[in-house]
Amino acid sequence: MIDADIKFELIMVAKILMAAILGCIIGYQRERENKNAGIRTFGAVSAGAALFTAVGMHFSETDDSSRIIANIITGVGFLGAGIIYNKQQSNESSGLTTAANIWAVSAIGVAAALGFYVISVVTTALLYFMLSLNHFSFYRNWQNRIQNDKNPKQD
């Protein structure tokens, strides 16, 4: 007979694996776009968030779990801040999409660890779709229209 703690841990391992796989799906899309943060980064963030959540769930106090989840958000925020790069000369920023998606992937990890499987999978699909929009002509045309409206041609 399996001990209750071992059973809990095996269930948590399955949830962490699910979180890692979902994070890797988003990371795969980022690598296809030649971004620095890819499969390993997104998979690690999602798995790490799930692990912290699983550990927090083992505590009997709800406050302990919610504090751990709050600190995941804070920690991933610092990670995202390090990814965002601001070019002072041209007043442009890069890395915002990657940072935002790393933050969202950590939430996917938390949701997977808490047993919200459908929410985790649907959110992964939604992020993947949003990241893939630039491959659709309707989206590129819309972006071009916005840019042209911002910067009308001078005659």
N, C-alpha and C. Protein backbone atom coordinates (compact mmCIF):
# COMPACT_ATOMS: atom_id res chain seq x y z
N MET A 1 0.84 -1.19 0.00
CA MET A 1 0.00 0.00 0.00
C MET A 1 0.88 1.24 0.00
N ILE A 2 0.50 2.22 -0.79
CA ILE A 2 1.29 3.45 -0.92
C ILE A 2 0.95 4.39 0.24
N ASP A 3 1.98 4.92 0.86
CA ASP A 3 1.83 5.89 1.94
C ASP A 3 1.15 7.14 1.39
N ALA A 4 0.35 7.81 2.22
CA ALA A 4 -0.41 8.99 1.79
C ALA A 4 0.53 10.10 1.31
N ASP A 5 1.67 10.30 1.99
CA ASP A 5 2.61 11.34 1.57
C ASP A 5 3.22 11.02 0.21
N ILE A 6 3.55 9.76 -0.02
CA ILE A 6 4.11 9.36 -1.31
C ILE A 6 3.08 9.55 -2.41
N LYS A 7 1.82 9.20 -2.13
CA LYS A 7 0.75 9.37 -3.10
C LYS A 7 0.60 10.85 -3.45
N PHE A 8 0.62 11.72 -2.42
CA PHE A 8 0.52 13.16 -2.63
C PHE A 8 1.69 13.63 -3.51
N GLU A 9 2.89 13.16 -3.21
CA GLU A 9 4.06 13.58 -3.97
C GLU A 9 3.98 13.11 -5.42
N LEU A 10 3.51 11.90 -5.66
CA LEU A 10 3.38 11.41 -7.02
C LEU A 10 2.36 12.23 -7.82
N ILE A 11 1.28 12.60 -7.16
CA ILE A 11 0.29 13.46 -7.82
C ILE A 11 0.91 14.81 -8.14
N MET A 12 1.69 15.36 -7.21
CA MET A 12 2.35 16.65 -7.44
C MET A 12 3.38 16.55 -8.56
N VAL A 13 4.10 15.44 -8.64
CA VAL A 13 5.07 15.25 -9.72
C VAL A 13 4.34 15.28 -11.07
N ALA A 14 3.20 14.64 -11.16
CA ALA A 14 2.42 14.66 -12.40
C ALA A 14 1.99 16.08 -12.74
N LYS A 15 1.58 16.84 -11.73
CA LYS A 15 1.16 18.23 -11.96
C LYS A 15 2.35 19.09 -12.40
N ILE A 16 3.51 18.88 -11.79
CA ILE A 16 4.71 19.64 -12.16
C ILE A 16 5.13 19.30 -13.59
N LEU A 17 5.05 18.02 -13.96
CA LEU A 17 5.35 17.62 -15.34
C LEU A 17 4.39 18.28 -16.32
N MET A 18 3.11 18.32 -15.97
CA MET A 18 2.14 18.98 -16.83
C MET A 18 2.49 20.45 -16.99
N ALA A 19 2.80 21.10 -15.88
CA ALA A 19 3.16 22.52 -15.93
C ALA A 19 4.39 22.74 -16.79
N ALA A 20 5.39 21.88 -16.64
CA ALA A 20 6.62 22.01 -17.44
C ALA A 20 6.33 21.84 -18.93
N ILE A 21 5.52 20.86 -19.27
CA ILE A 21 5.17 20.63 -20.68
C ILE A 21 4.43 21.83 -21.26
N LEU A 22 3.48 22.37 -20.51
CA LEU A 22 2.74 23.54 -20.98
C LEU A 22 3.66 24.74 -21.15
N GLY A 23 4.58 24.93 -20.21
CA GLY A 23 5.56 26.02 -20.34
C GLY A 23 6.46 25.82 -21.55
N CYS A 24 6.86 24.58 -21.78
CA CYS A 24 7.72 24.27 -22.94
C CYS A 24 7.01 24.55 -24.26
N ILE A 25 5.70 24.36 -24.30
CA ILE A 25 4.95 24.65 -25.52
C ILE A 25 5.08 26.13 -25.86
N ILE A 26 4.94 26.99 -24.86
CA ILE A 26 5.10 28.43 -25.10
C ILE A 26 6.56 28.74 -25.45
N GLY A 27 7.49 28.11 -24.75
CA GLY A 27 8.91 28.31 -25.04
C GLY A 27 9.27 27.89 -26.45
N TYR A 28 8.64 26.85 -26.94
CA TYR A 28 8.88 26.39 -28.31
C TYR A 28 8.53 27.49 -29.30
N GLN A 29 7.41 28.15 -29.09
CA GLN A 29 7.01 29.23 -29.98
C GLN A 29 8.04 30.36 -29.92
N ARG A 30 8.55 30.68 -28.74
CA ARG A 30 9.54 31.77 -28.61
C ARG A 30 10.84 31.39 -29.31
N GLU A 31 11.24 30.14 -29.22
CA GLU A 31 12.46 29.72 -29.91
C GLU A 31 12.28 29.78 -31.41
N ARG A 32 11.09 29.45 -31.89
CA ARG A 32 10.82 29.55 -33.33
C ARG A 32 10.96 30.99 -33.80
N GLU A 33 10.75 31.94 -32.90
CA GLU A 33 10.88 33.36 -33.23
C GLU A 33 12.29 33.89 -32.93
N ASN A 34 13.22 32.98 -32.61
CA ASN A 34 14.61 33.32 -32.30
C ASN A 34 14.75 34.25 -31.09
N LYS A 35 13.94 34.03 -30.08
CA LYS A 35 14.03 34.80 -28.84
C LYS A 35 14.98 34.10 -27.88
N ASN A 36 15.62 34.88 -27.00
CA ASN A 36 16.58 34.30 -26.06
C ASN A 36 15.93 33.34 -25.08
N ALA A 37 14.79 33.69 -24.56
CA ALA A 37 14.08 32.82 -23.62
C ALA A 37 13.24 31.85 -24.44
N GLY A 38 13.49 30.56 -24.25
CA GLY A 38 12.79 29.57 -25.06
C GLY A 38 12.26 28.42 -24.24
N ILE A 39 12.37 27.24 -24.78
CA ILE A 39 11.80 26.04 -24.17
C ILE A 39 12.30 25.86 -22.73
N ARG A 40 13.60 25.94 -22.54
CA ARG A 40 14.15 25.68 -21.20
C ARG A 40 13.70 26.73 -20.19
N THR A 41 13.71 28.00 -20.60
CA THR A 41 13.32 29.07 -19.68
C THR A 41 11.85 28.96 -19.30
N PHE A 42 11.00 28.86 -20.29
CA PHE A 42 9.56 28.81 -20.02
C PHE A 42 9.18 27.53 -19.27
N GLY A 43 9.78 26.42 -19.65
CA GLY A 43 9.51 25.16 -18.95
C GLY A 43 9.95 25.23 -17.49
N ALA A 44 11.12 25.83 -17.25
CA ALA A 44 11.63 25.95 -15.88
C ALA A 44 10.77 26.87 -15.03
N VAL A 45 10.33 27.97 -15.60
CA VAL A 45 9.49 28.91 -14.84
C VAL A 45 8.17 28.25 -14.46
N SER A 46 7.55 27.57 -15.41
CA SER A 46 6.27 26.92 -15.14
C SER A 46 6.42 25.79 -14.13
N ALA A 47 7.45 24.95 -14.31
CA ALA A 47 7.69 23.84 -13.37
C ALA A 47 8.04 24.37 -11.99
N GLY A 48 8.86 25.42 -11.93
CA GLY A 48 9.23 26.01 -10.64
C GLY A 48 8.03 26.58 -9.91
N ALA A 49 7.17 27.27 -10.64
CA ALA A 49 5.95 27.82 -10.03
C ALA A 49 5.07 26.70 -9.50
N ALA A 50 4.97 25.62 -10.27
CA ALA A 50 4.17 24.47 -9.82
C ALA A 50 4.79 23.82 -8.59
N LEU A 51 6.11 23.72 -8.56
CA LEU A 51 6.78 23.13 -7.41
C LEU A 51 6.56 23.97 -6.16
N PHE A 52 6.75 25.27 -6.26
CA PHE A 52 6.51 26.14 -5.10
C PHE A 52 5.07 26.02 -4.62
N THR A 53 4.13 25.97 -5.56
CA THR A 53 2.72 25.83 -5.20
C THR A 53 2.46 24.50 -4.53
N ALA A 54 3.06 23.43 -5.06
CA ALA A 54 2.88 22.09 -4.47
C ALA A 54 3.40 22.06 -3.04
N VAL A 55 4.56 22.66 -2.83
CA VAL A 55 5.11 22.72 -1.46
C VAL A 55 4.17 23.51 -0.56
N GLY A 56 3.65 24.62 -1.08
CA GLY A 56 2.72 25.44 -0.30
C GLY A 56 1.43 24.71 0.03
N MET A 57 0.99 23.86 -0.87
CA MET A 57 -0.24 23.10 -0.63
C MET A 57 -0.06 22.08 0.49
N HIS A 58 1.17 21.70 0.74
CA HIS A 58 1.45 20.71 1.78
C HIS A 58 1.29 21.30 3.18
N PHE A 59 1.36 22.64 3.27
CA PHE A 59 1.16 23.29 4.56
C PHE A 59 -0.32 23.25 4.92
N SER A 60 -0.61 23.23 6.17
CA SER A 60 -2.01 23.16 6.59
C SER A 60 -2.68 24.53 6.57
N GLU A 61 -1.90 25.58 6.66
CA GLU A 61 -2.46 26.93 6.68
C GLU A 61 -2.64 27.47 5.26
N THR A 62 -3.81 27.98 4.96
CA THR A 62 -4.07 28.58 3.65
C THR A 62 -3.21 29.81 3.44
N ASP A 63 -2.94 30.55 4.51
CA ASP A 63 -2.13 31.75 4.40
C ASP A 63 -0.74 31.43 3.88
N ASP A 64 -0.16 30.28 4.30
CA ASP A 64 1.17 29.90 3.82
C ASP A 64 1.17 29.69 2.31
N SER A 65 0.16 29.02 1.81
CA SER A 65 0.06 28.76 0.36
C SER A 65 -0.09 30.06 -0.41
N SER A 66 -0.95 30.95 0.05
CA SER A 66 -1.17 32.20 -0.67
C SER A 66 0.06 33.09 -0.62
N ARG A 67 0.82 33.04 0.46
CA ARG A 67 2.07 33.81 0.52
C ARG A 67 3.08 33.28 -0.47
N ILE A 68 3.16 31.97 -0.61
CA ILE A 68 4.09 31.38 -1.58
C ILE A 68 3.70 31.80 -2.99
N ILE A 69 2.42 31.73 -3.31
CA ILE A 69 1.97 32.13 -4.65
C ILE A 69 2.26 33.60 -4.88
N ALA A 70 2.04 34.45 -3.89
CA ALA A 70 2.33 35.88 -4.02
C ALA A 70 3.82 36.10 -4.28
N ASN A 71 4.66 35.33 -3.62
CA ASN A 71 6.10 35.49 -3.82
C ASN A 71 6.55 34.95 -5.17
N ILE A 72 5.84 33.99 -5.74
CA ILE A 72 6.13 33.54 -7.10
C ILE A 72 5.93 34.71 -8.05
N ILE A 73 4.83 35.40 -7.89
CA ILE A 73 4.53 36.55 -8.74
C ILE A 73 5.62 37.60 -8.63
N THR A 74 6.06 37.89 -7.41
CA THR A 74 7.12 38.87 -7.20
C THR A 74 8.43 38.41 -7.83
N GLY A 75 8.81 37.17 -7.59
CA GLY A 75 10.07 36.66 -8.13
C GLY A 75 10.09 36.64 -9.64
N VAL A 76 9.00 36.23 -10.24
CA VAL A 76 8.94 36.20 -11.71
C VAL A 76 8.93 37.62 -12.25
N GLY A 77 8.38 38.55 -11.50
CA GLY A 77 8.43 39.96 -11.90
C GLY A 77 9.86 40.46 -12.02
N PHE A 78 10.70 40.07 -11.08
CA PHE A 78 12.12 40.44 -11.16
C PHE A 78 12.79 39.78 -12.36
N LEU A 79 12.45 38.54 -12.63
CA LEU A 79 12.99 37.85 -13.79
C LEU A 79 12.58 38.59 -15.07
N GLY A 80 11.33 38.97 -15.13
CA GLY A 80 10.83 39.71 -16.29
C GLY A 80 11.51 41.06 -16.45
N ALA A 81 11.77 41.73 -15.34
CA ALA A 81 12.46 43.03 -15.40
C ALA A 81 13.85 42.87 -15.98
N GLY A 82 14.49 41.76 -15.69
CA GLY A 82 15.81 41.51 -16.24
C GLY A 82 15.78 41.20 -17.73
N ILE A 83 14.67 40.71 -18.23
CA ILE A 83 14.54 40.37 -19.64
C ILE A 83 14.26 41.61 -20.49
N ILE A 84 13.55 42.56 -19.91
CA ILE A 84 13.17 43.75 -20.67
C ILE A 84 14.42 44.61 -20.89
N TYR A 85 14.65 44.95 -22.12
CA TYR A 85 15.81 45.75 -22.50
C TYR A 85 15.31 47.04 -23.11
N ASN A 86 15.80 48.17 -22.61
CA ASN A 86 15.39 49.47 -23.11
C ASN A 86 16.56 50.11 -23.84
N LYS A 87 16.36 50.41 -25.11
CA LYS A 87 17.39 51.09 -25.90
C LYS A 87 17.21 52.59 -25.71
N GLN A 88 18.07 53.19 -24.92
CA GLN A 88 17.92 54.60 -24.58
C GLN A 88 18.01 55.51 -25.82
N GLN A 89 18.89 55.18 -26.77
CA GLN A 89 19.10 56.04 -27.94
C GLN A 89 17.84 56.14 -28.80
N SER A 90 17.19 55.03 -29.04
CA SER A 90 16.03 55.03 -29.93
C SER A 90 14.71 55.05 -29.18
N ASN A 91 14.76 55.05 -27.86
CA ASN A 91 13.55 55.08 -27.03
C ASN A 91 12.64 53.89 -27.32
N GLU A 92 13.24 52.72 -27.60
CA GLU A 92 12.49 51.50 -27.86
C GLU A 92 12.79 50.48 -26.77
N SER A 93 11.82 49.63 -26.51
CA SER A 93 12.01 48.55 -25.55
C SER A 93 11.86 47.23 -26.26
N SER A 94 12.56 46.24 -25.77
CA SER A 94 12.38 44.89 -26.30
C SER A 94 12.32 43.93 -25.13
N GLY A 95 11.73 42.80 -25.36
CA GLY A 95 11.60 41.80 -24.31
C GLY A 95 10.31 41.88 -23.53
N LEU A 96 9.46 42.83 -23.86
CA LEU A 96 8.20 42.98 -23.11
C LEU A 96 7.29 41.77 -23.28
N THR A 97 7.18 41.28 -24.50
CA THR A 97 6.31 40.12 -24.76
C THR A 97 6.85 38.89 -24.04
N THR A 98 8.15 38.69 -24.12
CA THR A 98 8.76 37.54 -23.44
C THR A 98 8.55 37.63 -21.94
N ALA A 99 8.78 38.81 -21.37
CA ALA A 99 8.61 38.99 -19.93
C ALA A 99 7.16 38.75 -19.51
N ALA A 100 6.22 39.28 -20.28
CA ALA A 100 4.80 39.10 -19.96
C ALA A 100 4.41 37.62 -20.04
N ASN A 101 4.96 36.93 -21.02
CA ASN A 101 4.62 35.52 -21.16
C ASN A 101 5.29 34.65 -20.11
N ILE A 102 6.47 35.02 -19.67
CA ILE A 102 7.09 34.29 -18.55
C ILE A 102 6.22 34.46 -17.30
N TRP A 103 5.71 35.65 -17.09
CA TRP A 103 4.83 35.90 -15.94
C TRP A 103 3.56 35.04 -16.07
N ALA A 104 2.99 35.00 -17.28
CA ALA A 104 1.77 34.21 -17.50
C ALA A 104 2.04 32.72 -17.36
N VAL A 105 3.20 32.27 -17.82
CA VAL A 105 3.54 30.85 -17.71
C VAL A 105 3.70 30.44 -16.25
N SER A 106 4.17 31.35 -15.42
CA SER A 106 4.25 31.01 -13.99
C SER A 106 2.85 30.80 -13.42
N ALA A 107 1.90 31.58 -13.90
CA ALA A 107 0.50 31.38 -13.47
C ALA A 107 -0.04 30.05 -13.97
N ILE A 108 0.38 29.64 -15.16
CA ILE A 108 -0.03 28.32 -15.67
C ILE A 108 0.50 27.23 -14.75
N GLY A 109 1.75 27.39 -14.31
CA GLY A 109 2.34 26.43 -13.37
C GLY A 109 1.57 26.36 -12.07
N VAL A 110 1.20 27.51 -11.54
CA VAL A 110 0.43 27.55 -10.30
C VAL A 110 -0.92 26.87 -10.51
N ALA A 111 -1.59 27.20 -11.61
CA ALA A 111 -2.91 26.61 -11.89
C ALA A 111 -2.81 25.10 -12.03
N ALA A 112 -1.77 24.62 -12.71
CA ALA A 112 -1.61 23.17 -12.88
C ALA A 112 -1.39 22.50 -11.53
N ALA A 113 -0.58 23.12 -10.68
CA ALA A 113 -0.31 22.54 -9.36
C ALA A 113 -1.56 22.51 -8.49
N LEU A 114 -2.43 23.49 -8.68
CA LEU A 114 -3.67 23.54 -7.89
C LEU A 114 -4.75 22.63 -8.47
N GLY A 115 -4.46 21.99 -9.61
CA GLY A 115 -5.42 21.05 -10.20
C GLY A 115 -6.37 21.67 -11.20
N PHE A 116 -6.10 22.88 -11.65
CA PHE A 116 -6.94 23.54 -12.66
C PHE A 116 -6.41 23.18 -14.05
N TYR A 117 -6.64 21.95 -14.44
CA TYR A 117 -6.05 21.43 -15.67
C TYR A 117 -6.62 22.09 -16.92
N VAL A 118 -7.91 22.23 -16.99
CA VAL A 118 -8.54 22.83 -18.17
C VAL A 118 -8.09 24.28 -18.32
N ILE A 119 -8.09 25.01 -17.23
CA ILE A 119 -7.63 26.40 -17.26
C ILE A 119 -6.18 26.48 -17.72
N SER A 120 -5.35 25.57 -17.24
CA SER A 120 -3.94 25.56 -17.62
C SER A 120 -3.77 25.32 -19.12
N VAL A 121 -4.48 24.34 -19.63
CA VAL A 121 -4.35 23.99 -21.05
C VAL A 121 -4.94 25.10 -21.94
N VAL A 122 -6.10 25.62 -21.58
CA VAL A 122 -6.72 26.69 -22.38
C VAL A 122 -5.84 27.94 -22.37
N THR A 123 -5.28 28.29 -21.23
CA THR A 123 -4.40 29.45 -21.14
C THR A 123 -3.15 29.25 -21.99
N THR A 124 -2.60 28.04 -21.98
CA THR A 124 -1.45 27.74 -22.83
C THR A 124 -1.80 27.93 -24.30
N ALA A 125 -2.94 27.42 -24.70
CA ALA A 125 -3.38 27.58 -26.09
C ALA A 125 -3.60 29.05 -26.44
N LEU A 126 -4.18 29.79 -25.52
CA LEU A 126 -4.42 31.22 -25.74
C LEU A 126 -3.10 31.97 -25.90
N LEU A 127 -2.13 31.72 -25.02
CA LEU A 127 -0.83 32.38 -25.13
C LEU A 127 -0.14 32.02 -26.45
N TYR A 128 -0.19 30.74 -26.80
CA TYR A 128 0.44 30.30 -28.04
C TYR A 128 -0.20 31.02 -29.24
N PHE A 129 -1.52 31.10 -29.23
CA PHE A 129 -2.22 31.79 -30.32
C PHE A 129 -1.80 33.26 -30.38
N MET A 130 -1.78 33.94 -29.24
CA MET A 130 -1.41 35.36 -29.24
C MET A 130 0.03 35.56 -29.72
N LEU A 131 0.93 34.66 -29.31
CA LEU A 131 2.32 34.77 -29.75
C LEU A 131 2.47 34.47 -31.23
N SER A 132 1.56 33.71 -31.80
CA SER A 132 1.63 33.33 -33.21
C SER A 132 0.92 34.30 -34.14
N LEU A 133 0.29 35.33 -33.61
CA LEU A 133 -0.49 36.25 -34.43
C LEU A 133 0.33 36.87 -35.55
N ASN A 134 1.61 37.13 -35.31
CA ASN A 134 2.41 37.80 -36.34
C ASN A 134 2.62 36.93 -37.58
N HIS A 135 2.19 35.68 -37.56
CA HIS A 135 2.26 34.81 -38.73
C HIS A 135 1.00 34.92 -39.60
N PHE A 136 0.01 35.65 -39.13
CA PHE A 136 -1.24 35.80 -39.86
C PHE A 136 -1.26 37.14 -40.59
N SER A 137 -1.64 37.11 -41.87
CA SER A 137 -1.62 38.34 -42.68
C SER A 137 -2.60 39.39 -42.14
N PHE A 138 -3.78 38.96 -41.65
CA PHE A 138 -4.74 39.95 -41.13
C PHE A 138 -4.13 40.75 -39.99
N TYR A 139 -3.32 40.11 -39.16
CA TYR A 139 -2.70 40.79 -38.02
C TYR A 139 -1.60 41.75 -38.50
N ARG A 140 -0.76 41.27 -39.43
CA ARG A 140 0.30 42.13 -39.97
C ARG A 140 -0.29 43.34 -40.68
N ASN A 141 -1.37 43.13 -41.44
CA ASN A 141 -2.03 44.25 -42.13
C ASN A 141 -2.59 45.24 -41.12
N TRP A 142 -3.18 44.75 -40.07
CA TRP A 142 -3.73 45.61 -39.02
C TRP A 142 -2.61 46.42 -38.36
N GLN A 143 -1.48 45.76 -38.06
CA GLN A 143 -0.35 46.47 -37.48
C GLN A 143 0.16 47.56 -38.42
N ASN A 144 0.27 47.25 -39.70
CA ASN A 144 0.74 48.24 -40.67
C ASN A 144 -0.20 49.43 -40.74
N ARG A 145 -1.51 49.17 -40.70
CA ARG A 145 -2.48 50.26 -40.71
C ARG A 145 -2.32 51.16 -39.51
N ILE A 146 -2.10 50.56 -38.34
CA ILE A 146 -1.90 51.35 -37.12
C ILE A 146 -0.65 52.21 -37.25
N GLN A 147 0.43 51.61 -37.73
CA GLN A 147 1.68 52.36 -37.90
C GLN A 147 1.51 53.50 -38.89
N ASN A 148 0.78 53.24 -39.97
CA ASN A 148 0.56 54.29 -40.97
C ASN A 148 -0.32 55.41 -40.41
N ASP A 149 -1.26 55.07 -39.55
CA ASP A 149 -2.10 56.10 -38.93
C ASP A 149 -1.29 56.94 -37.95
N LYS A 150 -0.32 56.33 -37.28
CA LYS A 150 0.55 57.06 -36.34
C LYS A 150 1.50 57.98 -37.08
N ASN A 151 2.02 57.49 -38.19
CA ASN A 151 3.03 58.22 -38.95
C ASN A 151 2.56 58.45 -40.38
N PRO A 152 1.64 59.41 -40.58
CA PRO A 152 1.14 59.64 -41.93
C PRO A 152 2.28 60.14 -42.83
N LYS A 153 2.20 59.75 -44.10
CA LYS A 153 3.24 60.15 -45.05
C LYS A 153 3.14 61.65 -45.31
N GLN A 154 4.30 62.26 -45.36
CA GLN A 154 4.36 63.69 -45.68
C GLN A 154 4.46 63.87 -47.19
N ASP A 155 3.63 64.73 -47.75
CA ASP A 155 3.70 64.97 -49.20
C ASP A 155 4.63 66.10 -49.52
